[in-house]
Amino acid sequence: MKLTLMPDQSIQQALDQIPLTEPVELFLSAGTYTEKLRIQHKKIAIYGSIEGKTVISNGDYAYKMHDDGLLYNTFRTYTVMFLSDDVKLYNLTIENTCGSGFTIGQGVALSLNSKQSYLENCQLIGHQDTLFVGPLPRDLNERYDHFLALEERGDEITHHHFKSCIIQGDVNFIFGSGISLF
């Protein structure tokens, strides 16, 4: 399925209308999409505008209290999380705007728990823990089993390819147990 969205439309709401097994090509017009995305579609490609900047932005942080009464912790602060296979991203900026981690903890911009992902001409912007390339190490898988969903605690090796990308952060800004080529 092919979709084109404008910044005043919700990416998550649009994706929620498409079966998870249906391949998706999503074209995002230039502008800022302020939302938190949890994407499980297999075979998804998301294209930002080449004429202007296309930004997906959110500002959750580790020391923020979650609705379940626990802190968000690093792994629930993502702006965009992929829990799928065959992810392709082009011409996008994904940012976590929470600010410096000294007082608020980590803030993940992109969490890749996909077996295969390819990013080209993308910018990932944050402060502490900007990019997570899953899976979690075994000890964290066990430690966080009480609040992370099973699919977020996968243990299969993942592969990621970043071409002409900028990844920006202050502390530990690229982390995880996946295999990545930059």
N, C-alpha and C. Protein backbone atom coordinates (compact mmCIF):
# COMPACT_ATOMS: atom_id res chain seq x y z
N MET A 1 0.84 -1.18 0.00
CA MET A 1 0.00 0.00 0.00
C MET A 1 0.88 1.24 0.00
N LYS A 2 0.51 2.23 -0.78
CA LYS A 2 1.22 3.50 -0.84
C LYS A 2 0.35 4.58 -0.21
N LEU A 3 0.99 5.37 0.66
CA LEU A 3 0.30 6.47 1.34
C LEU A 3 1.16 7.71 1.27
N THR A 4 0.51 8.86 1.17
CA THR A 4 1.20 10.14 1.29
C THR A 4 0.52 10.92 2.41
N LEU A 5 1.35 11.44 3.34
CA LEU A 5 0.80 12.17 4.48
C LEU A 5 1.36 13.59 4.54
N MET A 6 0.57 14.47 5.14
CA MET A 6 0.97 15.85 5.42
C MET A 6 1.23 15.97 6.92
N PRO A 7 2.00 16.98 7.35
CA PRO A 7 2.35 17.11 8.77
C PRO A 7 1.16 17.21 9.73
N ASP A 8 -0.02 17.59 9.24
CA ASP A 8 -1.17 17.67 10.14
C ASP A 8 -1.88 16.31 10.27
N GLN A 9 -1.36 15.28 9.63
CA GLN A 9 -1.93 13.94 9.73
C GLN A 9 -1.05 13.07 10.62
N SER A 10 -1.65 12.10 11.29
CA SER A 10 -0.92 11.20 12.19
C SER A 10 -0.38 9.99 11.43
N ILE A 11 0.91 9.79 11.53
CA ILE A 11 1.54 8.63 10.90
C ILE A 11 1.03 7.35 11.55
N GLN A 12 0.99 7.33 12.90
CA GLN A 12 0.57 6.12 13.61
C GLN A 12 -0.87 5.76 13.27
N GLN A 13 -1.76 6.73 13.24
CA GLN A 13 -3.16 6.45 12.90
C GLN A 13 -3.29 5.90 11.49
N ALA A 14 -2.52 6.43 10.56
CA ALA A 14 -2.56 5.92 9.19
C ALA A 14 -2.05 4.48 9.13
N LEU A 15 -0.95 4.19 9.80
CA LEU A 15 -0.40 2.84 9.79
C LEU A 15 -1.30 1.84 10.50
N ASP A 16 -1.99 2.28 11.54
CA ASP A 16 -2.88 1.39 12.28
C ASP A 16 -4.05 0.87 11.43
N GLN A 17 -4.32 1.52 10.31
CA GLN A 17 -5.40 1.10 9.41
C GLN A 17 -4.95 0.04 8.40
N ILE A 18 -3.65 -0.25 8.38
CA ILE A 18 -3.08 -1.17 7.38
C ILE A 18 -2.69 -2.48 8.08
N PRO A 19 -3.06 -3.64 7.51
CA PRO A 19 -2.65 -4.91 8.11
C PRO A 19 -1.13 -4.99 8.24
N LEU A 20 -0.64 -5.59 9.34
CA LEU A 20 0.78 -5.65 9.61
C LEU A 20 1.57 -6.43 8.56
N THR A 21 0.92 -7.31 7.85
CA THR A 21 1.62 -8.13 6.86
C THR A 21 1.65 -7.49 5.47
N GLU A 22 0.93 -6.39 5.29
CA GLU A 22 0.89 -5.73 3.99
C GLU A 22 2.09 -4.78 3.84
N PRO A 23 2.87 -4.91 2.75
CA PRO A 23 3.98 -3.98 2.53
C PRO A 23 3.47 -2.55 2.45
N VAL A 24 4.27 -1.61 2.99
CA VAL A 24 3.85 -0.21 3.04
C VAL A 24 4.95 0.68 2.47
N GLU A 25 4.55 1.61 1.61
CA GLU A 25 5.40 2.70 1.18
C GLU A 25 4.73 3.98 1.64
N LEU A 26 5.40 4.69 2.54
CA LEU A 26 4.83 5.89 3.15
C LEU A 26 5.65 7.09 2.72
N PHE A 27 5.00 8.07 2.12
CA PHE A 27 5.66 9.28 1.66
C PHE A 27 5.20 10.42 2.57
N LEU A 28 6.17 11.05 3.24
CA LEU A 28 5.86 12.14 4.17
C LEU A 28 6.26 13.47 3.55
N SER A 29 5.32 14.38 3.48
CA SER A 29 5.60 15.71 2.98
C SER A 29 6.50 16.44 3.96
N ALA A 30 7.19 17.46 3.49
CA ALA A 30 8.07 18.25 4.36
C ALA A 30 7.29 18.86 5.50
N GLY A 31 7.93 18.91 6.66
CA GLY A 31 7.31 19.47 7.86
C GLY A 31 7.66 18.61 9.06
N THR A 32 7.06 18.95 10.20
CA THR A 32 7.33 18.23 11.45
C THR A 32 6.11 17.43 11.87
N TYR A 33 6.32 16.16 12.12
CA TYR A 33 5.31 15.23 12.61
C TYR A 33 5.65 14.99 14.07
N THR A 34 4.87 15.55 14.98
CA THR A 34 5.16 15.43 16.40
C THR A 34 4.34 14.28 16.97
N GLU A 35 4.99 13.13 17.10
CA GLU A 35 4.32 11.95 17.65
C GLU A 35 5.34 10.87 17.97
N LYS A 36 4.88 9.91 18.74
CA LYS A 36 5.66 8.74 19.13
C LYS A 36 5.14 7.58 18.28
N LEU A 37 6.04 6.89 17.58
CA LEU A 37 5.63 5.83 16.66
C LEU A 37 6.17 4.47 17.11
N ARG A 38 5.29 3.49 17.12
CA ARG A 38 5.65 2.09 17.40
C ARG A 38 5.17 1.31 16.18
N ILE A 39 6.12 0.91 15.33
CA ILE A 39 5.78 0.36 14.02
C ILE A 39 6.14 -1.12 13.96
N GLN A 40 5.15 -1.95 13.57
CA GLN A 40 5.34 -3.39 13.51
C GLN A 40 5.12 -3.94 12.10
N HIS A 41 4.92 -3.10 11.12
CA HIS A 41 4.68 -3.56 9.75
C HIS A 41 5.92 -4.21 9.16
N LYS A 42 5.72 -5.35 8.57
CA LYS A 42 6.81 -6.01 7.86
C LYS A 42 6.92 -5.37 6.48
N LYS A 43 8.13 -5.17 6.06
CA LYS A 43 8.39 -4.59 4.74
C LYS A 43 7.80 -3.19 4.63
N ILE A 44 8.43 -2.24 5.32
CA ILE A 44 7.96 -0.85 5.30
C ILE A 44 9.08 0.06 4.82
N ALA A 45 8.72 1.00 3.96
CA ALA A 45 9.64 2.03 3.50
C ALA A 45 8.99 3.38 3.77
N ILE A 46 9.76 4.27 4.40
CA ILE A 46 9.25 5.61 4.70
C ILE A 46 10.20 6.61 4.04
N TYR A 47 9.61 7.50 3.23
CA TYR A 47 10.36 8.49 2.48
C TYR A 47 10.01 9.88 2.96
N GLY A 48 11.03 10.64 3.33
CA GLY A 48 10.82 12.05 3.62
C GLY A 48 10.97 12.84 2.33
N SER A 49 10.53 14.06 2.36
CA SER A 49 10.59 14.94 1.19
C SER A 49 12.03 15.28 0.86
N ILE A 50 12.38 15.25 -0.40
CA ILE A 50 13.73 15.67 -0.77
C ILE A 50 13.79 17.18 -1.00
N GLU A 51 12.63 17.82 -1.12
CA GLU A 51 12.61 19.27 -1.32
C GLU A 51 12.79 20.03 -0.01
N GLY A 52 12.42 19.44 1.09
CA GLY A 52 12.51 20.12 2.38
C GLY A 52 12.71 19.11 3.49
N LYS A 53 12.88 19.59 4.68
CA LYS A 53 13.16 18.73 5.81
C LYS A 53 11.88 18.07 6.32
N THR A 54 11.95 16.76 6.51
CA THR A 54 10.85 15.99 7.08
C THR A 54 11.32 15.47 8.43
N VAL A 55 10.64 15.90 9.50
CA VAL A 55 11.08 15.60 10.88
C VAL A 55 9.99 14.84 11.61
N ILE A 56 10.39 13.78 12.29
CA ILE A 56 9.51 13.08 13.25
C ILE A 56 10.10 13.37 14.61
N SER A 57 9.30 13.94 15.51
CA SER A 57 9.82 14.48 16.76
C SER A 57 8.97 14.07 17.96
N ASN A 58 9.65 13.81 19.07
CA ASN A 58 8.99 13.53 20.34
C ASN A 58 9.99 13.85 21.45
N GLY A 59 9.54 13.90 22.68
CA GLY A 59 10.44 14.32 23.75
C GLY A 59 10.34 13.52 25.05
N ASP A 60 10.03 12.22 24.97
CA ASP A 60 9.98 11.42 26.20
C ASP A 60 11.39 11.19 26.76
N TYR A 61 11.48 10.98 28.07
CA TYR A 61 12.79 10.81 28.72
C TYR A 61 12.69 9.80 29.86
N ALA A 62 13.84 9.27 30.24
CA ALA A 62 13.92 8.14 31.17
C ALA A 62 13.34 8.41 32.55
N TYR A 63 13.49 9.62 33.07
CA TYR A 63 13.01 9.90 34.43
C TYR A 63 11.56 10.36 34.47
N LYS A 64 10.88 10.34 33.36
CA LYS A 64 9.46 10.69 33.27
C LYS A 64 8.63 9.52 33.81
N MET A 65 7.55 9.82 34.50
CA MET A 65 6.69 8.78 35.04
C MET A 65 5.73 8.28 33.96
N HIS A 66 5.69 6.99 33.77
CA HIS A 66 4.81 6.36 32.78
C HIS A 66 3.43 6.12 33.40
N ASP A 67 2.42 5.91 32.57
CA ASP A 67 1.06 5.65 33.05
C ASP A 67 0.98 4.42 33.96
N ASP A 68 1.93 3.48 33.81
CA ASP A 68 1.90 2.26 34.64
C ASP A 68 2.51 2.47 36.02
N GLY A 69 2.92 3.71 36.34
CA GLY A 69 3.46 4.01 37.65
C GLY A 69 4.96 3.79 37.77
N LEU A 70 5.61 3.35 36.71
CA LEU A 70 7.05 3.16 36.68
C LEU A 70 7.69 4.26 35.83
N LEU A 71 8.97 4.47 36.00
CA LEU A 71 9.67 5.41 35.14
C LEU A 71 9.71 4.87 33.71
N TYR A 72 9.79 5.78 32.76
CA TYR A 72 9.89 5.36 31.37
C TYR A 72 11.08 4.44 31.15
N ASN A 73 12.22 4.76 31.76
CA ASN A 73 13.46 4.02 31.54
C ASN A 73 13.91 4.29 30.11
N THR A 74 15.12 3.98 29.79
CA THR A 74 15.68 4.25 28.47
C THR A 74 14.83 3.71 27.33
N PHE A 75 14.38 2.47 27.44
CA PHE A 75 13.83 1.76 26.30
C PHE A 75 12.38 2.10 25.96
N ARG A 76 11.74 2.96 26.76
CA ARG A 76 10.38 3.41 26.42
C ARG A 76 10.38 4.88 26.00
N THR A 77 11.56 5.49 25.86
CA THR A 77 11.64 6.91 25.51
C THR A 77 11.70 7.18 24.01
N TYR A 78 11.73 6.16 23.20
CA TYR A 78 11.92 6.30 21.76
C TYR A 78 10.92 7.29 21.14
N THR A 79 11.37 7.94 20.09
CA THR A 79 10.47 8.70 19.22
C THR A 79 9.87 7.74 18.20
N VAL A 80 10.73 6.92 17.57
CA VAL A 80 10.27 5.91 16.62
C VAL A 80 10.89 4.56 17.00
N MET A 81 10.04 3.53 17.10
CA MET A 81 10.51 2.17 17.34
C MET A 81 10.00 1.28 16.22
N PHE A 82 10.91 0.50 15.66
CA PHE A 82 10.54 -0.50 14.66
C PHE A 82 10.66 -1.88 15.28
N LEU A 83 9.59 -2.66 15.18
CA LEU A 83 9.53 -4.04 15.65
C LEU A 83 9.14 -4.91 14.46
N SER A 84 9.90 -4.80 13.40
CA SER A 84 9.51 -5.45 12.16
C SER A 84 10.75 -5.81 11.36
N ASP A 85 10.53 -6.47 10.24
CA ASP A 85 11.62 -6.84 9.35
C ASP A 85 11.57 -5.98 8.10
N ASP A 86 12.73 -5.80 7.49
CA ASP A 86 12.83 -5.10 6.21
C ASP A 86 12.32 -3.67 6.29
N VAL A 87 13.01 -2.85 7.08
CA VAL A 87 12.69 -1.44 7.26
C VAL A 87 13.62 -0.60 6.39
N LYS A 88 13.06 0.36 5.66
CA LYS A 88 13.87 1.27 4.85
C LYS A 88 13.41 2.69 5.12
N LEU A 89 14.37 3.56 5.42
CA LEU A 89 14.07 4.97 5.72
C LEU A 89 14.95 5.85 4.84
N TYR A 90 14.35 6.88 4.26
CA TYR A 90 15.07 7.79 3.37
C TYR A 90 14.70 9.24 3.69
N ASN A 91 15.70 10.11 3.73
CA ASN A 91 15.50 11.56 3.82
C ASN A 91 14.65 11.98 5.01
N LEU A 92 14.91 11.40 6.16
CA LEU A 92 14.15 11.71 7.38
C LEU A 92 15.06 12.25 8.47
N THR A 93 14.50 13.09 9.31
CA THR A 93 15.13 13.46 10.58
C THR A 93 14.24 12.89 11.67
N ILE A 94 14.83 12.12 12.57
CA ILE A 94 14.11 11.58 13.72
C ILE A 94 14.83 12.13 14.94
N GLU A 95 14.06 12.82 15.80
CA GLU A 95 14.70 13.47 16.93
C GLU A 95 13.96 13.20 18.23
N ASN A 96 14.75 13.17 19.31
CA ASN A 96 14.19 13.19 20.65
C ASN A 96 14.61 14.52 21.24
N THR A 97 13.63 15.35 21.56
CA THR A 97 13.88 16.73 21.98
C THR A 97 13.89 16.92 23.49
N CYS A 98 14.04 15.83 24.26
CA CYS A 98 13.92 15.92 25.72
C CYS A 98 15.00 16.78 26.37
N GLY A 99 16.14 16.95 25.74
CA GLY A 99 17.19 17.77 26.31
C GLY A 99 18.29 16.94 26.94
N SER A 100 19.15 17.62 27.67
CA SER A 100 20.33 16.99 28.26
C SER A 100 19.96 15.91 29.28
N GLY A 101 20.66 14.80 29.20
CA GLY A 101 20.37 13.67 30.07
C GLY A 101 20.80 13.82 31.51
N PHE A 102 21.52 14.87 31.86
CA PHE A 102 22.00 15.01 33.23
C PHE A 102 20.87 15.10 34.24
N THR A 103 19.77 15.73 33.88
CA THR A 103 18.66 15.88 34.83
C THR A 103 17.44 15.06 34.49
N ILE A 104 17.36 14.56 33.27
CA ILE A 104 16.15 13.85 32.86
C ILE A 104 16.42 12.42 32.38
N GLY A 105 17.67 12.05 32.27
CA GLY A 105 18.00 10.70 31.81
C GLY A 105 18.03 10.61 30.29
N GLN A 106 18.00 9.41 29.82
CA GLN A 106 18.14 9.12 28.40
C GLN A 106 16.89 9.50 27.62
N GLY A 107 17.10 9.68 26.30
CA GLY A 107 16.00 9.94 25.38
C GLY A 107 16.34 9.39 24.01
N VAL A 108 15.79 8.26 23.66
CA VAL A 108 16.10 7.57 22.40
C VAL A 108 15.32 8.21 21.25
N ALA A 109 15.99 8.51 20.16
CA ALA A 109 15.31 9.00 18.96
C ALA A 109 14.78 7.81 18.16
N LEU A 110 15.67 6.85 17.84
CA LEU A 110 15.28 5.71 17.01
C LEU A 110 15.69 4.41 17.67
N SER A 111 14.73 3.50 17.77
CA SER A 111 14.96 2.16 18.31
C SER A 111 14.69 1.16 17.20
N LEU A 112 15.74 0.46 16.78
CA LEU A 112 15.62 -0.51 15.68
C LEU A 112 15.67 -1.93 16.23
N ASN A 113 14.53 -2.56 16.28
CA ASN A 113 14.44 -3.97 16.66
C ASN A 113 14.01 -4.78 15.45
N SER A 114 14.53 -4.41 14.31
CA SER A 114 14.17 -5.05 13.05
C SER A 114 15.33 -5.92 12.59
N LYS A 115 15.01 -7.06 12.00
CA LYS A 115 16.07 -7.97 11.56
C LYS A 115 16.94 -7.34 10.48
N GLN A 116 16.33 -6.57 9.60
CA GLN A 116 17.06 -5.88 8.53
C GLN A 116 16.55 -4.45 8.44
N SER A 117 17.46 -3.48 8.46
CA SER A 117 17.04 -2.11 8.23
C SER A 117 18.10 -1.38 7.41
N TYR A 118 17.62 -0.42 6.63
CA TYR A 118 18.49 0.38 5.77
C TYR A 118 18.05 1.83 5.89
N LEU A 119 18.98 2.71 6.22
CA LEU A 119 18.69 4.13 6.33
C LEU A 119 19.63 4.88 5.40
N GLU A 120 19.06 5.82 4.64
CA GLU A 120 19.87 6.63 3.74
C GLU A 120 19.45 8.09 3.85
N ASN A 121 20.46 8.97 3.96
CA ASN A 121 20.23 10.41 4.08
C ASN A 121 19.31 10.75 5.24
N CYS A 122 19.53 10.10 6.36
CA CYS A 122 18.72 10.36 7.56
C CYS A 122 19.56 11.03 8.63
N GLN A 123 18.89 11.81 9.47
CA GLN A 123 19.53 12.41 10.64
C GLN A 123 18.82 11.90 11.88
N LEU A 124 19.60 11.42 12.84
CA LEU A 124 19.07 10.97 14.12
C LEU A 124 19.66 11.90 15.17
N ILE A 125 18.79 12.61 15.88
CA ILE A 125 19.25 13.68 16.76
C ILE A 125 18.71 13.46 18.17
N GLY A 126 19.61 13.55 19.13
CA GLY A 126 19.23 13.45 20.53
C GLY A 126 20.38 13.89 21.40
N HIS A 127 20.38 13.45 22.63
CA HIS A 127 21.46 13.78 23.55
C HIS A 127 22.10 12.49 24.05
N GLN A 128 21.44 11.80 24.96
CA GLN A 128 21.98 10.55 25.49
C GLN A 128 21.15 9.38 24.93
N ASP A 129 21.84 8.40 24.32
CA ASP A 129 21.21 7.20 23.77
C ASP A 129 20.31 7.52 22.58
N THR A 130 20.84 8.22 21.61
CA THR A 130 20.08 8.65 20.42
C THR A 130 19.59 7.47 19.60
N LEU A 131 20.46 6.49 19.33
CA LEU A 131 20.14 5.36 18.47
C LEU A 131 20.34 4.05 19.21
N PHE A 132 19.29 3.25 19.28
CA PHE A 132 19.39 1.90 19.84
C PHE A 132 19.25 0.90 18.71
N VAL A 133 20.25 0.04 18.54
CA VAL A 133 20.20 -1.04 17.55
C VAL A 133 20.06 -2.36 18.32
N GLY A 134 18.81 -2.85 18.35
CA GLY A 134 18.50 -4.06 19.10
C GLY A 134 19.23 -5.26 18.55
N PRO A 135 19.22 -6.32 19.33
CA PRO A 135 18.38 -6.57 20.49
C PRO A 135 19.03 -6.10 21.79
N LEU A 136 18.25 -6.22 22.86
CA LEU A 136 18.79 -5.97 24.20
C LEU A 136 19.77 -7.07 24.55
N PRO A 137 20.80 -6.75 25.33
CA PRO A 137 21.64 -7.82 25.85
C PRO A 137 20.83 -8.69 26.82
N ARG A 138 21.24 -9.91 27.00
CA ARG A 138 20.50 -10.88 27.81
C ARG A 138 20.18 -10.37 29.22
N ASP A 139 21.15 -9.71 29.89
CA ASP A 139 20.90 -9.25 31.25
C ASP A 139 19.79 -8.20 31.32
N LEU A 140 19.72 -7.31 30.32
CA LEU A 140 18.66 -6.30 30.31
C LEU A 140 17.32 -6.91 29.91
N ASN A 141 17.36 -7.92 29.05
CA ASN A 141 16.14 -8.64 28.70
C ASN A 141 15.47 -9.20 29.94
N GLU A 142 16.26 -9.76 30.83
CA GLU A 142 15.74 -10.32 32.07
C GLU A 142 15.33 -9.22 33.05
N ARG A 143 16.14 -8.18 33.16
CA ARG A 143 15.88 -7.11 34.13
C ARG A 143 14.60 -6.34 33.81
N TYR A 144 14.25 -6.19 32.52
CA TYR A 144 13.11 -5.37 32.14
C TYR A 144 11.90 -6.17 31.70
N ASP A 145 11.87 -7.45 32.01
CA ASP A 145 10.75 -8.28 31.55
C ASP A 145 9.42 -7.91 32.21
N HIS A 146 9.44 -7.16 33.29
CA HIS A 146 8.20 -6.78 33.97
C HIS A 146 7.50 -5.57 33.34
N PHE A 147 8.18 -4.84 32.43
CA PHE A 147 7.48 -3.71 31.83
C PHE A 147 7.70 -3.54 30.33
N LEU A 148 8.63 -4.24 29.74
CA LEU A 148 8.78 -4.18 28.28
C LEU A 148 8.03 -5.35 27.65
N ALA A 149 7.30 -5.07 26.58
CA ALA A 149 6.57 -6.12 25.87
C ALA A 149 7.55 -7.15 25.32
N LEU A 150 7.09 -8.37 25.17
CA LEU A 150 7.94 -9.46 24.70
C LEU A 150 8.62 -9.12 23.38
N GLU A 151 7.90 -8.53 22.43
CA GLU A 151 8.50 -8.21 21.14
C GLU A 151 9.57 -7.13 21.24
N GLU A 152 9.57 -6.36 22.32
CA GLU A 152 10.61 -5.35 22.53
C GLU A 152 11.84 -5.94 23.21
N ARG A 153 11.75 -7.19 23.60
CA ARG A 153 12.86 -7.86 24.27
C ARG A 153 13.41 -9.01 23.43
N GLY A 154 13.30 -8.91 22.13
CA GLY A 154 13.79 -9.96 21.25
C GLY A 154 15.26 -10.25 21.46
N ASP A 155 15.67 -11.45 21.07
CA ASP A 155 17.08 -11.81 21.25
C ASP A 155 17.75 -12.24 19.95
N GLU A 156 17.05 -12.05 18.81
CA GLU A 156 17.66 -12.40 17.53
C GLU A 156 18.59 -11.28 17.07
N ILE A 157 19.70 -11.67 16.48
CA ILE A 157 20.65 -10.69 15.97
C ILE A 157 20.00 -9.89 14.84
N THR A 158 20.25 -8.60 14.84
CA THR A 158 19.69 -7.70 13.84
C THR A 158 20.82 -7.08 13.02
N HIS A 159 20.48 -6.64 11.81
CA HIS A 159 21.47 -6.04 10.92
C HIS A 159 20.95 -4.70 10.41
N HIS A 160 21.82 -3.69 10.43
CA HIS A 160 21.43 -2.34 10.06
C HIS A 160 22.50 -1.71 9.19
N HIS A 161 22.07 -0.98 8.17
CA HIS A 161 22.98 -0.32 7.25
C HIS A 161 22.60 1.16 7.20
N PHE A 162 23.58 2.01 7.50
CA PHE A 162 23.38 3.46 7.50
C PHE A 162 24.25 4.07 6.41
N LYS A 163 23.63 4.73 5.43
CA LYS A 163 24.37 5.34 4.33
C LYS A 163 24.10 6.84 4.33
N SER A 164 25.15 7.64 4.35
CA SER A 164 25.04 9.11 4.31
C SER A 164 24.11 9.63 5.40
N CYS A 165 24.26 9.10 6.60
CA CYS A 165 23.42 9.50 7.74
C CYS A 165 24.24 10.29 8.76
N ILE A 166 23.57 11.12 9.52
CA ILE A 166 24.17 11.84 10.64
C ILE A 166 23.49 11.36 11.90
N ILE A 167 24.31 10.94 12.87
CA ILE A 167 23.79 10.48 14.16
C ILE A 167 24.44 11.36 15.21
N GLN A 168 23.61 12.12 15.91
CA GLN A 168 24.12 13.16 16.80
C GLN A 168 23.68 12.92 18.23
N GLY A 169 24.63 13.06 19.16
CA GLY A 169 24.31 12.93 20.57
C GLY A 169 25.50 13.33 21.42
N ASP A 170 25.33 13.28 22.73
CA ASP A 170 26.37 13.69 23.66
C ASP A 170 27.04 12.50 24.36
N VAL A 171 26.23 11.55 24.83
CA VAL A 171 26.72 10.45 25.64
C VAL A 171 26.16 9.14 25.11
N ASN A 172 27.00 8.13 24.91
CA ASN A 172 26.53 6.80 24.50
C ASN A 172 25.49 6.89 23.40
N PHE A 173 25.68 7.72 22.42
CA PHE A 173 24.57 8.01 21.51
C PHE A 173 24.28 6.92 20.50
N ILE A 174 25.14 5.92 20.37
CA ILE A 174 24.83 4.72 19.57
C ILE A 174 25.08 3.52 20.49
N PHE A 175 24.05 2.70 20.70
CA PHE A 175 24.21 1.57 21.62
C PHE A 175 23.29 0.42 21.23
N GLY A 176 23.55 -0.75 21.78
CA GLY A 176 22.74 -1.93 21.52
C GLY A 176 23.59 -3.09 21.08
N SER A 177 22.94 -4.21 20.82
CA SER A 177 23.65 -5.45 20.48
C SER A 177 23.52 -5.84 19.03
N GLY A 178 22.95 -4.99 18.20
CA GLY A 178 22.80 -5.30 16.78
C GLY A 178 24.11 -5.11 16.02
N ILE A 179 24.12 -5.58 14.80
CA ILE A 179 25.27 -5.45 13.91
C ILE A 179 24.95 -4.33 12.93
N SER A 180 25.82 -3.30 12.89
CA SER A 180 25.55 -2.12 12.07
C SER A 180 26.74 -1.78 11.20
N LEU A 181 26.44 -1.32 10.00
CA LEU A 181 27.45 -0.82 9.07
C LEU A 181 27.16 0.66 8.85
N PHE A 182 28.14 1.50 9.11
CA PHE A 182 27.98 2.94 8.95
C PHE A 182 28.87 3.40 7.80
